mmCIF file of all heavy atoms, coordinates in Angstrom:
data_MODEL
# 
_entry.id   MODEL 
# 
loop_
_atom_site.group_PDB 
_atom_site.id 
_atom_site.type_symbol 
_atom_site.label_atom_id 
_atom_site.label_alt_id 
_atom_site.label_comp_id 
_atom_site.label_asym_id 
_atom_site.label_entity_id 
_atom_site.label_seq_id 
_atom_site.pdbx_PDB_ins_code 
_atom_site.Cartn_x 
_atom_site.Cartn_y 
_atom_site.Cartn_z 
_atom_site.occupancy 
_atom_site.B_iso_or_equiv 
_atom_site.pdbx_formal_charge 
_atom_site.auth_seq_id 
_atom_site.auth_comp_id 
_atom_site.auth_asym_id 
_atom_site.auth_atom_id 
_atom_site.pdbx_PDB_model_num 
ATOM 1   N N   . VAL A 1 1  ? 10.218 42.704 34.757 1.00 0.00 ? 1  VAL A N   1 
ATOM 2   C CA  . VAL A 1 1  ? 11.499 43.370 34.844 1.00 0.00 ? 1  VAL A CA  1 
ATOM 3   C C   . VAL A 1 1  ? 11.242 44.832 34.859 1.00 0.00 ? 1  VAL A C   1 
ATOM 4   O O   . VAL A 1 1  ? 11.914 45.596 35.655 1.00 0.00 ? 1  VAL A O   1 
ATOM 5   C CB  . VAL A 1 1  ? 12.501 42.991 33.720 1.00 0.00 ? 1  VAL A CB  1 
ATOM 6   C CG1 . VAL A 1 1  ? 13.654 43.907 33.632 1.00 0.00 ? 1  VAL A CG1 1 
ATOM 7   C CG2 . VAL A 1 1  ? 12.840 41.494 33.896 1.00 0.00 ? 1  VAL A CG2 1 
ATOM 8   N N   . ARG A 1 2  ? 10.378 45.283 33.895 1.00 0.00 ? 2  ARG A N   1 
ATOM 9   C CA  . ARG A 1 2  ? 10.117 46.739 33.863 1.00 0.00 ? 2  ARG A CA  1 
ATOM 10  C C   . ARG A 1 2  ? 9.495  47.276 35.246 1.00 0.00 ? 2  ARG A C   1 
ATOM 11  O O   . ARG A 1 2  ? 9.898  48.328 35.643 1.00 0.00 ? 2  ARG A O   1 
ATOM 12  C CB  . ARG A 1 2  ? 9.152  47.065 32.795 1.00 0.00 ? 2  ARG A CB  1 
ATOM 13  C CG  . ARG A 1 2  ? 8.734  48.542 32.609 1.00 0.00 ? 2  ARG A CG  1 
ATOM 14  C CD  . ARG A 1 2  ? 7.688  48.744 31.473 1.00 0.00 ? 2  ARG A CD  1 
ATOM 15  N NE  . ARG A 1 2  ? 7.254  50.138 31.476 1.00 0.00 ? 2  ARG A NE  1 
ATOM 16  C CZ  . ARG A 1 2  ? 6.454  50.723 32.229 1.00 0.00 ? 2  ARG A CZ  1 
ATOM 17  N NH1 . ARG A 1 2  ? 5.833  50.051 33.102 1.00 0.00 ? 2  ARG A NH1 1 
ATOM 18  N NH2 . ARG A 1 2  ? 6.119  52.076 32.039 1.00 0.00 ? 2  ARG A NH2 1 
ATOM 19  N N   . ALA A 1 3  ? 8.558  46.519 35.836 1.00 0.00 ? 3  ALA A N   1 
ATOM 20  C CA  . ALA A 1 3  ? 7.882  46.856 36.953 1.00 0.00 ? 3  ALA A CA  1 
ATOM 21  C C   . ALA A 1 3  ? 8.931  47.086 38.147 1.00 0.00 ? 3  ALA A C   1 
ATOM 22  O O   . ALA A 1 3  ? 8.909  47.997 38.874 1.00 0.00 ? 3  ALA A O   1 
ATOM 23  C CB  . ALA A 1 3  ? 6.798  45.968 37.377 1.00 0.00 ? 3  ALA A CB  1 
ATOM 24  N N   . HIS A 1 4  ? 9.737  46.051 38.242 1.00 0.00 ? 4  HIS A N   1 
ATOM 25  C CA  . HIS A 1 4  ? 10.841 46.121 39.237 1.00 0.00 ? 4  HIS A CA  1 
ATOM 26  C C   . HIS A 1 4  ? 11.788 47.265 39.064 1.00 0.00 ? 4  HIS A C   1 
ATOM 27  O O   . HIS A 1 4  ? 12.087 48.032 40.085 1.00 0.00 ? 4  HIS A O   1 
ATOM 28  C CB  . HIS A 1 4  ? 11.616 44.793 39.190 1.00 0.00 ? 4  HIS A CB  1 
ATOM 29  C CG  . HIS A 1 4  ? 12.674 44.662 40.309 1.00 0.00 ? 4  HIS A CG  1 
ATOM 30  N ND1 . HIS A 1 4  ? 13.897 45.075 40.154 1.00 0.00 ? 4  HIS A ND1 1 
ATOM 31  C CD2 . HIS A 1 4  ? 12.545 44.300 41.600 1.00 0.00 ? 4  HIS A CD2 1 
ATOM 32  C CE1 . HIS A 1 4  ? 14.639 44.923 41.226 1.00 0.00 ? 4  HIS A CE1 1 
ATOM 33  N NE2 . HIS A 1 4  ? 13.821 44.474 42.154 1.00 0.00 ? 4  HIS A NE2 1 
ATOM 34  N N   . ILE A 1 5  ? 12.225 47.505 37.904 1.00 0.00 ? 5  ILE A N   1 
ATOM 35  C CA  . ILE A 1 5  ? 13.167 48.661 37.632 1.00 0.00 ? 5  ILE A CA  1 
ATOM 36  C C   . ILE A 1 5  ? 12.479 50.016 37.952 1.00 0.00 ? 5  ILE A C   1 
ATOM 37  O O   . ILE A 1 5  ? 13.018 50.884 38.618 1.00 0.00 ? 5  ILE A O   1 
ATOM 38  C CB  . ILE A 1 5  ? 13.650 48.685 36.176 1.00 0.00 ? 5  ILE A CB  1 
ATOM 39  C CG1 . ILE A 1 5  ? 14.515 47.432 36.000 1.00 0.00 ? 5  ILE A CG1 1 
ATOM 40  C CG2 . ILE A 1 5  ? 14.455 49.904 35.888 1.00 0.00 ? 5  ILE A CG2 1 
ATOM 41  C CD1 . ILE A 1 5  ? 15.011 47.257 34.564 1.00 0.00 ? 5  ILE A CD1 1 
ATOM 42  N N   . VAL A 1 6  ? 11.172 50.188 37.488 1.00 0.00 ? 6  VAL A N   1 
ATOM 43  C CA  . VAL A 1 6  ? 10.425 51.420 37.678 1.00 0.00 ? 6  VAL A CA  1 
ATOM 44  C C   . VAL A 1 6  ? 10.346 51.727 39.169 1.00 0.00 ? 6  VAL A C   1 
ATOM 45  O O   . VAL A 1 6  ? 10.662 52.802 39.661 1.00 0.00 ? 6  VAL A O   1 
ATOM 46  C CB  . VAL A 1 6  ? 9.210  51.369 36.941 1.00 0.00 ? 6  VAL A CB  1 
ATOM 47  C CG1 . VAL A 1 6  ? 8.237  52.507 37.417 1.00 0.00 ? 6  VAL A CG1 1 
ATOM 48  C CG2 . VAL A 1 6  ? 9.314  51.444 35.406 1.00 0.00 ? 6  VAL A CG2 1 
ATOM 49  N N   . PHE A 1 7  ? 9.759  50.789 39.906 1.00 0.00 ? 7  PHE A N   1 
ATOM 50  C CA  . PHE A 1 7  ? 9.471  50.895 41.354 1.00 0.00 ? 7  PHE A CA  1 
ATOM 51  C C   . PHE A 1 7  ? 10.722 51.127 42.261 1.00 0.00 ? 7  PHE A C   1 
ATOM 52  O O   . PHE A 1 7  ? 10.821 52.054 43.024 1.00 0.00 ? 7  PHE A O   1 
ATOM 53  C CB  . PHE A 1 7  ? 8.642  49.836 41.873 1.00 0.00 ? 7  PHE A CB  1 
ATOM 54  C CG  . PHE A 1 7  ? 7.131  49.902 41.511 1.00 0.00 ? 7  PHE A CG  1 
ATOM 55  C CD1 . PHE A 1 7  ? 6.678  49.466 40.395 1.00 0.00 ? 7  PHE A CD1 1 
ATOM 56  C CD2 . PHE A 1 7  ? 6.209  50.601 42.376 1.00 0.00 ? 7  PHE A CD2 1 
ATOM 57  C CE1 . PHE A 1 7  ? 5.358  49.653 40.010 1.00 0.00 ? 7  PHE A CE1 1 
ATOM 58  C CE2 . PHE A 1 7  ? 4.923  50.760 42.149 1.00 0.00 ? 7  PHE A CE2 1 
ATOM 59  C CZ  . PHE A 1 7  ? 4.445  50.189 40.943 1.00 0.00 ? 7  PHE A CZ  1 
ATOM 60  N N   . SER A 1 8  ? 11.788 50.272 41.923 1.00 0.00 ? 8  SER A N   1 
ATOM 61  C CA  . SER A 1 8  ? 12.990 50.380 42.725 1.00 0.00 ? 8  SER A CA  1 
ATOM 62  C C   . SER A 1 8  ? 13.756 51.678 42.465 1.00 0.00 ? 8  SER A C   1 
ATOM 63  O O   . SER A 1 8  ? 14.289 52.280 43.311 1.00 0.00 ? 8  SER A O   1 
ATOM 64  C CB  . SER A 1 8  ? 13.869 49.100 42.496 1.00 0.00 ? 8  SER A CB  1 
ATOM 65  O OG  . SER A 1 8  ? 14.242 49.059 41.072 1.00 0.00 ? 8  SER A OG  1 
ATOM 66  N N   . SER A 1 9  ? 13.818 51.951 41.114 1.00 0.00 ? 9  SER A N   1 
ATOM 67  C CA  . SER A 1 9  ? 14.515 53.304 40.740 1.00 0.00 ? 9  SER A CA  1 
ATOM 68  C C   . SER A 1 9  ? 13.924 54.471 41.371 1.00 0.00 ? 9  SER A C   1 
ATOM 69  O O   . SER A 1 9  ? 14.519 55.455 41.825 1.00 0.00 ? 9  SER A O   1 
ATOM 70  C CB  . SER A 1 9  ? 14.723 53.371 39.235 1.00 0.00 ? 9  SER A CB  1 
ATOM 71  O OG  . SER A 1 9  ? 13.463 53.562 38.636 1.00 0.00 ? 9  SER A OG  1 
ATOM 72  N N   . ARG A 1 10 ? 12.441 54.480 41.463 1.00 0.00 ? 10 ARG A N   1 
ATOM 73  C CA  . ARG A 1 10 ? 11.827 55.627 42.033 1.00 0.00 ? 10 ARG A CA  1 
ATOM 74  C C   . ARG A 1 10 ? 12.130 55.776 43.505 1.00 0.00 ? 10 ARG A C   1 
ATOM 75  O O   . ARG A 1 10 ? 12.389 56.873 44.071 1.00 0.00 ? 10 ARG A O   1 
ATOM 76  C CB  . ARG A 1 10 ? 10.321 55.438 41.770 1.00 0.00 ? 10 ARG A CB  1 
ATOM 77  C CG  . ARG A 1 10 ? 9.749  55.799 40.393 1.00 0.00 ? 10 ARG A CG  1 
ATOM 78  C CD  . ARG A 1 10 ? 8.363  55.342 40.314 1.00 0.00 ? 10 ARG A CD  1 
ATOM 79  N NE  . ARG A 1 10 ? 7.841  55.754 38.971 1.00 0.00 ? 10 ARG A NE  1 
ATOM 80  C CZ  . ARG A 1 10 ? 6.612  55.377 38.538 1.00 0.00 ? 10 ARG A CZ  1 
ATOM 81  N NH1 . ARG A 1 10 ? 5.837  54.676 39.322 1.00 0.00 ? 10 ARG A NH1 1 
ATOM 82  N NH2 . ARG A 1 10 ? 6.241  55.675 37.238 1.00 0.00 ? 10 ARG A NH2 1 
ATOM 83  N N   . THR A 1 11 ? 12.190 54.686 44.150 1.00 0.00 ? 11 THR A N   1 
ATOM 84  C CA  . THR A 1 11 ? 12.536 54.600 45.540 1.00 0.00 ? 11 THR A CA  1 
ATOM 85  C C   . THR A 1 11 ? 13.900 54.982 45.867 1.00 0.00 ? 11 THR A C   1 
ATOM 86  O O   . THR A 1 11 ? 14.219 55.979 46.717 1.00 0.00 ? 11 THR A O   1 
ATOM 87  C CB  . THR A 1 11 ? 12.360 53.214 46.111 1.00 0.00 ? 11 THR A CB  1 
ATOM 88  O OG1 . THR A 1 11 ? 11.002 52.706 45.965 1.00 0.00 ? 11 THR A OG1 1 
ATOM 89  C CG2 . THR A 1 11 ? 12.521 53.221 47.671 1.00 0.00 ? 11 THR A CG2 1 
ATOM 90  N N   . ILE A 1 12 ? 14.843 54.604 45.020 1.00 0.00 ? 12 ILE A N   1 
ATOM 91  C CA  . ILE A 1 12 ? 16.209 55.033 45.151 1.00 0.00 ? 12 ILE A CA  1 
ATOM 92  C C   . ILE A 1 12 ? 16.435 56.552 44.936 1.00 0.00 ? 12 ILE A C   1 
ATOM 93  O O   . ILE A 1 12 ? 17.176 57.178 45.661 1.00 0.00 ? 12 ILE A O   1 
ATOM 94  C CB  . ILE A 1 12 ? 17.203 54.226 44.117 1.00 0.00 ? 12 ILE A CB  1 
ATOM 95  C CG1 . ILE A 1 12 ? 17.174 52.784 44.488 1.00 0.00 ? 12 ILE A CG1 1 
ATOM 96  C CG2 . ILE A 1 12 ? 18.581 54.796 44.149 1.00 0.00 ? 12 ILE A CG2 1 
ATOM 97  C CD1 . ILE A 1 12 ? 17.767 51.948 43.466 1.00 0.00 ? 12 ILE A CD1 1 
ATOM 98  N N   . ALA A 1 13 ? 15.712 57.072 43.900 1.00 0.00 ? 13 ALA A N   1 
ATOM 99  C CA  . ALA A 1 13 ? 15.852 58.413 43.588 1.00 0.00 ? 13 ALA A CA  1 
ATOM 100 C C   . ALA A 1 13 ? 15.378 59.410 44.669 1.00 0.00 ? 13 ALA A C   1 
ATOM 101 O O   . ALA A 1 13 ? 16.090 60.234 45.083 1.00 0.00 ? 13 ALA A O   1 
ATOM 102 C CB  . ALA A 1 13 ? 15.078 58.746 42.208 1.00 0.00 ? 13 ALA A CB  1 
ATOM 103 N N   . LEU A 1 14 ? 14.173 59.093 45.200 1.00 0.00 ? 14 LEU A N   1 
ATOM 104 C CA  . LEU A 1 14 ? 13.693 59.945 46.314 1.00 0.00 ? 14 LEU A CA  1 
ATOM 105 C C   . LEU A 1 14 ? 14.490 59.870 47.602 1.00 0.00 ? 14 LEU A C   1 
ATOM 106 O O   . LEU A 1 14 ? 14.720 60.743 48.327 1.00 0.00 ? 14 LEU A O   1 
ATOM 107 C CB  . LEU A 1 14 ? 12.198 59.568 46.517 1.00 0.00 ? 14 LEU A CB  1 
ATOM 108 C CG  . LEU A 1 14 ? 11.176 60.245 45.668 1.00 0.00 ? 14 LEU A CG  1 
ATOM 109 C CD1 . LEU A 1 14 ? 9.786  59.711 45.966 1.00 0.00 ? 14 LEU A CD1 1 
ATOM 110 C CD2 . LEU A 1 14 ? 11.236 61.723 45.857 1.00 0.00 ? 14 LEU A CD2 1 
ATOM 111 N N   . TRP A 1 15 ? 14.966 58.609 47.941 1.00 0.00 ? 15 TRP A N   1 
ATOM 112 C CA  . TRP A 1 15 ? 15.734 58.465 49.179 1.00 0.00 ? 15 TRP A CA  1 
ATOM 113 C C   . TRP A 1 15 ? 17.050 59.025 49.074 1.00 0.00 ? 15 TRP A C   1 
ATOM 114 O O   . TRP A 1 15 ? 17.649 59.478 50.084 1.00 0.00 ? 15 TRP A O   1 
ATOM 115 C CB  . TRP A 1 15 ? 15.768 56.822 49.556 1.00 0.00 ? 15 TRP A CB  1 
ATOM 116 C CG  . TRP A 1 15 ? 14.512 56.566 50.296 1.00 0.00 ? 15 TRP A CG  1 
ATOM 117 C CD1 . TRP A 1 15 ? 13.477 55.797 49.912 1.00 0.00 ? 15 TRP A CD1 1 
ATOM 118 C CD2 . TRP A 1 15 ? 14.219 56.862 51.693 1.00 0.00 ? 15 TRP A CD2 1 
ATOM 119 N NE1 . TRP A 1 15 ? 12.567 55.648 50.937 1.00 0.00 ? 15 TRP A NE1 1 
ATOM 120 C CE2 . TRP A 1 15 ? 12.996 56.394 52.030 1.00 0.00 ? 15 TRP A CE2 1 
ATOM 121 C CE3 . TRP A 1 15 ? 14.911 57.566 52.682 1.00 0.00 ? 15 TRP A CE3 1 
ATOM 122 C CZ2 . TRP A 1 15 ? 12.425 56.468 53.254 1.00 0.00 ? 15 TRP A CZ2 1 
ATOM 123 C CZ3 . TRP A 1 15 ? 14.335 57.750 53.881 1.00 0.00 ? 15 TRP A CZ3 1 
ATOM 124 C CH2 . TRP A 1 15 ? 13.076 57.107 54.276 1.00 0.00 ? 15 TRP A CH2 1 
ATOM 125 N N   . LEU A 1 16 ? 17.695 59.027 47.905 1.00 0.00 ? 16 LEU A N   1 
ATOM 126 C CA  . LEU A 1 16 ? 18.992 59.758 47.743 1.00 0.00 ? 16 LEU A CA  1 
ATOM 127 C C   . LEU A 1 16 ? 18.833 61.206 47.941 1.00 0.00 ? 16 LEU A C   1 
ATOM 128 O O   . LEU A 1 16 ? 19.730 61.731 48.565 1.00 0.00 ? 16 LEU A O   1 
ATOM 129 C CB  . LEU A 1 16 ? 19.535 59.436 46.404 1.00 0.00 ? 16 LEU A CB  1 
ATOM 130 C CG  . LEU A 1 16 ? 20.159 58.065 46.086 1.00 0.00 ? 16 LEU A CG  1 
ATOM 131 C CD1 . LEU A 1 16 ? 20.585 57.859 44.640 1.00 0.00 ? 16 LEU A CD1 1 
ATOM 132 C CD2 . LEU A 1 16 ? 21.165 57.639 47.084 1.00 0.00 ? 16 LEU A CD2 1 
ATOM 133 N N   . ILE A 1 17 ? 17.806 61.854 47.475 1.00 0.00 ? 17 ILE A N   1 
ATOM 134 C CA  . ILE A 1 17 ? 17.567 63.203 47.747 1.00 0.00 ? 17 ILE A CA  1 
ATOM 135 C C   . ILE A 1 17 ? 17.312 63.400 49.244 1.00 0.00 ? 17 ILE A C   1 
ATOM 136 O O   . ILE A 1 17 ? 17.703 64.443 49.881 1.00 0.00 ? 17 ILE A O   1 
ATOM 137 C CB  . ILE A 1 17 ? 16.361 63.649 46.944 1.00 0.00 ? 17 ILE A CB  1 
ATOM 138 C CG1 . ILE A 1 17 ? 16.603 63.601 45.406 1.00 0.00 ? 17 ILE A CG1 1 
ATOM 139 C CG2 . ILE A 1 17 ? 16.024 65.177 47.283 1.00 0.00 ? 17 ILE A CG2 1 
ATOM 140 C CD1 . ILE A 1 17 ? 15.452 63.935 44.476 1.00 0.00 ? 17 ILE A CD1 1 
ATOM 141 N N   . THR A 1 18 ? 16.545 62.438 49.831 1.00 0.00 ? 18 THR A N   1 
ATOM 142 C CA  . THR A 1 18 ? 16.406 62.572 51.331 1.00 0.00 ? 18 THR A CA  1 
ATOM 143 C C   . THR A 1 18 ? 17.613 62.535 52.076 1.00 0.00 ? 18 THR A C   1 
ATOM 144 O O   . THR A 1 18 ? 17.849 63.284 53.084 1.00 0.00 ? 18 THR A O   1 
ATOM 145 C CB  . THR A 1 18 ? 15.443 61.410 51.779 1.00 0.00 ? 18 THR A CB  1 
ATOM 146 O OG1 . THR A 1 18 ? 14.243 61.410 51.063 1.00 0.00 ? 18 THR A OG1 1 
ATOM 147 C CG2 . THR A 1 18 ? 15.202 61.512 53.242 1.00 0.00 ? 18 THR A CG2 1 
ATOM 148 N N   . PHE A 1 19 ? 18.567 61.617 51.714 1.00 0.00 ? 19 PHE A N   1 
ATOM 149 C CA  . PHE A 1 19 ? 19.850 61.536 52.411 1.00 0.00 ? 19 PHE A CA  1 
ATOM 150 C C   . PHE A 1 19 ? 20.656 62.821 52.129 1.00 0.00 ? 19 PHE A C   1 
ATOM 151 O O   . PHE A 1 19 ? 21.525 63.285 53.046 1.00 0.00 ? 19 PHE A O   1 
ATOM 152 C CB  . PHE A 1 19 ? 20.654 60.357 51.823 1.00 0.00 ? 19 PHE A CB  1 
ATOM 153 C CG  . PHE A 1 19 ? 20.167 59.023 52.277 1.00 0.00 ? 19 PHE A CG  1 
ATOM 154 C CD1 . PHE A 1 19 ? 20.175 57.926 51.497 1.00 0.00 ? 19 PHE A CD1 1 
ATOM 155 C CD2 . PHE A 1 19 ? 19.640 58.842 53.602 1.00 0.00 ? 19 PHE A CD2 1 
ATOM 156 C CE1 . PHE A 1 19 ? 19.611 56.618 51.958 1.00 0.00 ? 19 PHE A CE1 1 
ATOM 157 C CE2 . PHE A 1 19 ? 19.181 57.788 54.101 1.00 0.00 ? 19 PHE A CE2 1 
ATOM 158 C CZ  . PHE A 1 19 ? 19.097 56.595 53.240 1.00 0.00 ? 19 PHE A CZ  1 
ATOM 159 N N   . ALA A 1 20 ? 20.487 63.438 50.992 1.00 0.00 ? 20 ALA A N   1 
ATOM 160 C CA  . ALA A 1 20 ? 21.154 64.662 50.746 1.00 0.00 ? 20 ALA A CA  1 
ATOM 161 C C   . ALA A 1 20 ? 20.709 65.783 51.627 1.00 0.00 ? 20 ALA A C   1 
ATOM 162 O O   . ALA A 1 20 ? 21.436 66.623 52.140 1.00 0.00 ? 20 ALA A O   1 
ATOM 163 C CB  . ALA A 1 20 ? 21.018 65.133 49.228 1.00 0.00 ? 20 ALA A CB  1 
ATOM 164 N N   . THR A 1 21 ? 19.451 65.742 51.955 1.00 0.00 ? 21 THR A N   1 
ATOM 165 C CA  . THR A 1 21 ? 18.780 66.673 52.867 1.00 0.00 ? 21 THR A CA  1 
ATOM 166 C C   . THR A 1 21 ? 19.422 66.480 54.334 1.00 0.00 ? 21 THR A C   1 
ATOM 167 O O   . THR A 1 21 ? 19.712 67.389 54.964 1.00 0.00 ? 21 THR A O   1 
ATOM 168 C CB  . THR A 1 21 ? 17.195 66.534 52.944 1.00 0.00 ? 21 THR A CB  1 
ATOM 169 O OG1 . THR A 1 21 ? 16.774 66.555 51.622 1.00 0.00 ? 21 THR A OG1 1 
ATOM 170 C CG2 . THR A 1 21 ? 16.594 67.583 53.769 1.00 0.00 ? 21 THR A CG2 1 
ATOM 171 N N   . ILE A 1 22 ? 19.521 65.185 54.708 1.00 0.00 ? 22 ILE A N   1 
ATOM 172 C CA  . ILE A 1 22 ? 20.066 64.920 55.979 1.00 0.00 ? 22 ILE A CA  1 
ATOM 173 C C   . ILE A 1 22 ? 21.586 65.348 56.085 1.00 0.00 ? 22 ILE A C   1 
ATOM 174 O O   . ILE A 1 22 ? 22.008 65.847 57.067 1.00 0.00 ? 22 ILE A O   1 
ATOM 175 C CB  . ILE A 1 22 ? 19.979 63.341 56.313 1.00 0.00 ? 22 ILE A CB  1 
ATOM 176 C CG1 . ILE A 1 22 ? 18.460 62.953 56.373 1.00 0.00 ? 22 ILE A CG1 1 
ATOM 177 C CG2 . ILE A 1 22 ? 20.685 63.052 57.617 1.00 0.00 ? 22 ILE A CG2 1 
ATOM 178 C CD1 . ILE A 1 22 ? 18.190 61.407 56.446 1.00 0.00 ? 22 ILE A CD1 1 
ATOM 179 N N   . ASP A 1 23 ? 22.239 65.078 54.962 1.00 0.00 ? 23 ASP A N   1 
ATOM 180 C CA  . ASP A 1 23 ? 23.696 65.496 54.898 1.00 0.00 ? 23 ASP A CA  1 
ATOM 181 C C   . ASP A 1 23 ? 23.865 67.045 55.118 1.00 0.00 ? 23 ASP A C   1 
ATOM 182 O O   . ASP A 1 23 ? 24.749 67.450 55.646 1.00 0.00 ? 23 ASP A O   1 
ATOM 183 C CB  . ASP A 1 23 ? 24.271 65.110 53.545 1.00 0.00 ? 23 ASP A CB  1 
ATOM 184 C CG  . ASP A 1 23 ? 25.712 65.500 53.390 1.00 0.00 ? 23 ASP A CG  1 
ATOM 185 O OD1 . ASP A 1 23 ? 26.602 64.794 54.010 1.00 0.00 ? 23 ASP A OD1 1 
ATOM 186 O OD2 . ASP A 1 23 ? 25.964 66.443 52.659 1.00 0.00 ? 23 ASP A OD2 1 
ATOM 187 N N   . ARG A 1 24 ? 22.799 67.862 54.387 1.00 0.00 ? 24 ARG A N   1 
ATOM 188 C CA  . ARG A 1 24 ? 22.909 69.267 54.621 1.00 0.00 ? 24 ARG A CA  1 
ATOM 189 C C   . ARG A 1 24 ? 22.655 69.690 56.042 1.00 0.00 ? 24 ARG A C   1 
ATOM 190 O O   . ARG A 1 24 ? 23.221 70.620 56.518 1.00 0.00 ? 24 ARG A O   1 
ATOM 191 C CB  . ARG A 1 24 ? 21.796 69.902 53.751 1.00 0.00 ? 24 ARG A CB  1 
ATOM 192 C CG  . ARG A 1 24 ? 22.056 69.839 52.283 1.00 0.00 ? 24 ARG A CG  1 
ATOM 193 C CD  . ARG A 1 24 ? 23.108 70.824 51.765 1.00 0.00 ? 24 ARG A CD  1 
ATOM 194 N NE  . ARG A 1 24 ? 24.449 70.232 51.724 1.00 0.00 ? 24 ARG A NE  1 
ATOM 195 C CZ  . ARG A 1 24 ? 25.529 70.956 51.551 1.00 0.00 ? 24 ARG A CZ  1 
ATOM 196 N NH1 . ARG A 1 24 ? 25.488 72.173 51.380 1.00 0.00 ? 24 ARG A NH1 1 
ATOM 197 N NH2 . ARG A 1 24 ? 26.615 70.187 51.366 1.00 0.00 ? 24 ARG A NH2 1 
ATOM 198 N N   . TRP A 1 25 ? 21.847 68.898 56.733 1.00 0.00 ? 25 TRP A N   1 
ATOM 199 C CA  . TRP A 1 25 ? 21.575 69.120 58.183 1.00 0.00 ? 25 TRP A CA  1 
ATOM 200 C C   . TRP A 1 25 ? 22.908 68.868 59.027 1.00 0.00 ? 25 TRP A C   1 
ATOM 201 O O   . TRP A 1 25 ? 23.261 69.622 59.809 1.00 0.00 ? 25 TRP A O   1 
ATOM 202 C CB  . TRP A 1 25 ? 20.482 68.246 58.700 1.00 0.00 ? 25 TRP A CB  1 
ATOM 203 C CG  . TRP A 1 25 ? 20.186 68.429 60.163 1.00 0.00 ? 25 TRP A CG  1 
ATOM 204 C CD1 . TRP A 1 25 ? 19.698 69.509 60.814 1.00 0.00 ? 25 TRP A CD1 1 
ATOM 205 C CD2 . TRP A 1 25 ? 20.542 67.457 61.236 1.00 0.00 ? 25 TRP A CD2 1 
ATOM 206 N NE1 . TRP A 1 25 ? 19.670 69.242 62.127 1.00 0.00 ? 25 TRP A NE1 1 
ATOM 207 C CE2 . TRP A 1 25 ? 20.142 68.053 62.447 1.00 0.00 ? 25 TRP A CE2 1 
ATOM 208 C CE3 . TRP A 1 25 ? 21.059 66.201 61.172 1.00 0.00 ? 25 TRP A CE3 1 
ATOM 209 C CZ2 . TRP A 1 25 ? 20.326 67.345 63.588 1.00 0.00 ? 25 TRP A CZ2 1 
ATOM 210 C CZ3 . TRP A 1 25 ? 21.261 65.463 62.372 1.00 0.00 ? 25 TRP A CZ3 1 
ATOM 211 C CH2 . TRP A 1 25 ? 20.824 66.087 63.587 1.00 0.00 ? 25 TRP A CH2 1 
ATOM 212 N N   . PHE A 1 26 ? 23.551 67.758 58.656 1.00 0.00 ? 26 PHE A N   1 
ATOM 213 C CA  . PHE A 1 26 ? 24.770 67.524 59.368 1.00 0.00 ? 26 PHE A CA  1 
ATOM 214 C C   . PHE A 1 26 ? 25.776 68.615 59.167 1.00 0.00 ? 26 PHE A C   1 
ATOM 215 O O   . PHE A 1 26 ? 26.487 69.048 59.993 1.00 0.00 ? 26 PHE A O   1 
ATOM 216 C CB  . PHE A 1 26 ? 25.430 66.165 58.868 1.00 0.00 ? 26 PHE A CB  1 
ATOM 217 C CG  . PHE A 1 26 ? 24.714 64.862 59.471 1.00 0.00 ? 26 PHE A CG  1 
ATOM 218 C CD1 . PHE A 1 26 ? 24.473 63.776 58.698 1.00 0.00 ? 26 PHE A CD1 1 
ATOM 219 C CD2 . PHE A 1 26 ? 24.514 64.840 60.788 1.00 0.00 ? 26 PHE A CD2 1 
ATOM 220 C CE1 . PHE A 1 26 ? 23.894 62.656 59.246 1.00 0.00 ? 26 PHE A CE1 1 
ATOM 221 C CE2 . PHE A 1 26 ? 23.860 63.740 61.429 1.00 0.00 ? 26 PHE A CE2 1 
ATOM 222 C CZ  . PHE A 1 26 ? 23.545 62.671 60.581 1.00 0.00 ? 26 PHE A CZ  1 
ATOM 223 N N   . LEU A 1 27 ? 25.992 68.976 57.786 1.00 0.00 ? 27 LEU A N   1 
ATOM 224 C CA  . LEU A 1 27 ? 26.964 69.950 57.479 1.00 0.00 ? 27 LEU A CA  1 
ATOM 225 C C   . LEU A 1 27 ? 26.707 71.331 58.022 1.00 0.00 ? 27 LEU A C   1 
ATOM 226 O O   . LEU A 1 27 ? 27.674 72.152 58.354 1.00 0.00 ? 27 LEU A O   1 
ATOM 227 C CB  . LEU A 1 27 ? 27.051 70.076 55.936 1.00 0.00 ? 27 LEU A CB  1 
ATOM 228 C CG  . LEU A 1 27 ? 28.244 70.774 55.367 1.00 0.00 ? 27 LEU A CG  1 
ATOM 229 C CD1 . LEU A 1 27 ? 29.535 69.972 55.767 1.00 0.00 ? 27 LEU A CD1 1 
ATOM 230 C CD2 . LEU A 1 27 ? 28.140 70.805 53.897 1.00 0.00 ? 27 LEU A CD2 1 
ATOM 231 N N   . SER A 1 28 ? 25.502 71.685 58.252 1.00 0.00 ? 28 SER A N   1 
ATOM 232 C CA  . SER A 1 28 ? 25.136 72.986 58.817 1.00 0.00 ? 28 SER A CA  1 
ATOM 233 C C   . SER A 1 28 ? 24.926 73.059 60.377 1.00 0.00 ? 28 SER A C   1 
ATOM 234 O O   . SER A 1 28 ? 24.624 74.025 60.953 1.00 0.00 ? 28 SER A O   1 
ATOM 235 C CB  . SER A 1 28 ? 23.772 73.457 58.202 1.00 0.00 ? 28 SER A CB  1 
ATOM 236 O OG  . SER A 1 28 ? 22.770 72.600 58.582 1.00 0.00 ? 28 SER A OG  1 
ATOM 237 N N   . ASN A 1 29 ? 25.158 71.852 60.914 1.00 0.00 ? 29 ASN A N   1 
ATOM 238 C CA  . ASN A 1 29 ? 25.008 71.790 62.421 1.00 0.00 ? 29 ASN A CA  1 
ATOM 239 C C   . ASN A 1 29 ? 26.190 72.452 63.209 1.00 0.00 ? 29 ASN A C   1 
ATOM 240 O O   . ASN A 1 29 ? 27.321 72.433 62.726 1.00 0.00 ? 29 ASN A O   1 
ATOM 241 C CB  . ASN A 1 29 ? 24.964 70.228 62.831 1.00 0.00 ? 29 ASN A CB  1 
ATOM 242 C CG  . ASN A 1 29 ? 24.184 70.070 64.043 1.00 0.00 ? 29 ASN A CG  1 
ATOM 243 O OD1 . ASN A 1 29 ? 24.594 70.418 65.177 1.00 0.00 ? 29 ASN A OD1 1 
ATOM 244 N ND2 . ASN A 1 29 ? 22.925 69.449 63.940 1.00 0.00 ? 29 ASN A ND2 1 
ATOM 245 N N   . ILE A 1 30 ? 25.840 73.074 64.298 1.00 0.00 ? 30 ILE A N   1 
ATOM 246 C CA  . ILE A 1 30 ? 26.857 73.713 65.109 1.00 0.00 ? 30 ILE A CA  1 
ATOM 247 C C   . ILE A 1 30 ? 27.641 72.791 65.971 1.00 0.00 ? 30 ILE A C   1 
ATOM 248 O O   . ILE A 1 30 ? 28.644 73.118 66.383 1.00 0.00 ? 30 ILE A O   1 
ATOM 249 C CB  . ILE A 1 30 ? 26.174 74.801 66.038 1.00 0.00 ? 30 ILE A CB  1 
ATOM 250 C CG1 . ILE A 1 30 ? 25.167 74.096 67.012 1.00 0.00 ? 30 ILE A CG1 1 
ATOM 251 C CG2 . ILE A 1 30 ? 25.418 75.876 65.248 1.00 0.00 ? 30 ILE A CG2 1 
ATOM 252 C CD1 . ILE A 1 30 ? 24.603 75.079 68.013 1.00 0.00 ? 30 ILE A CD1 1 
# 
């Protein structure tokens, strides 16, 4: 259970920041 939570939460955290970066690109697009 600990291994699953650690690995999945790390993936979620990094990809949420990645989606925020993409969202900034959408918002700044002409």
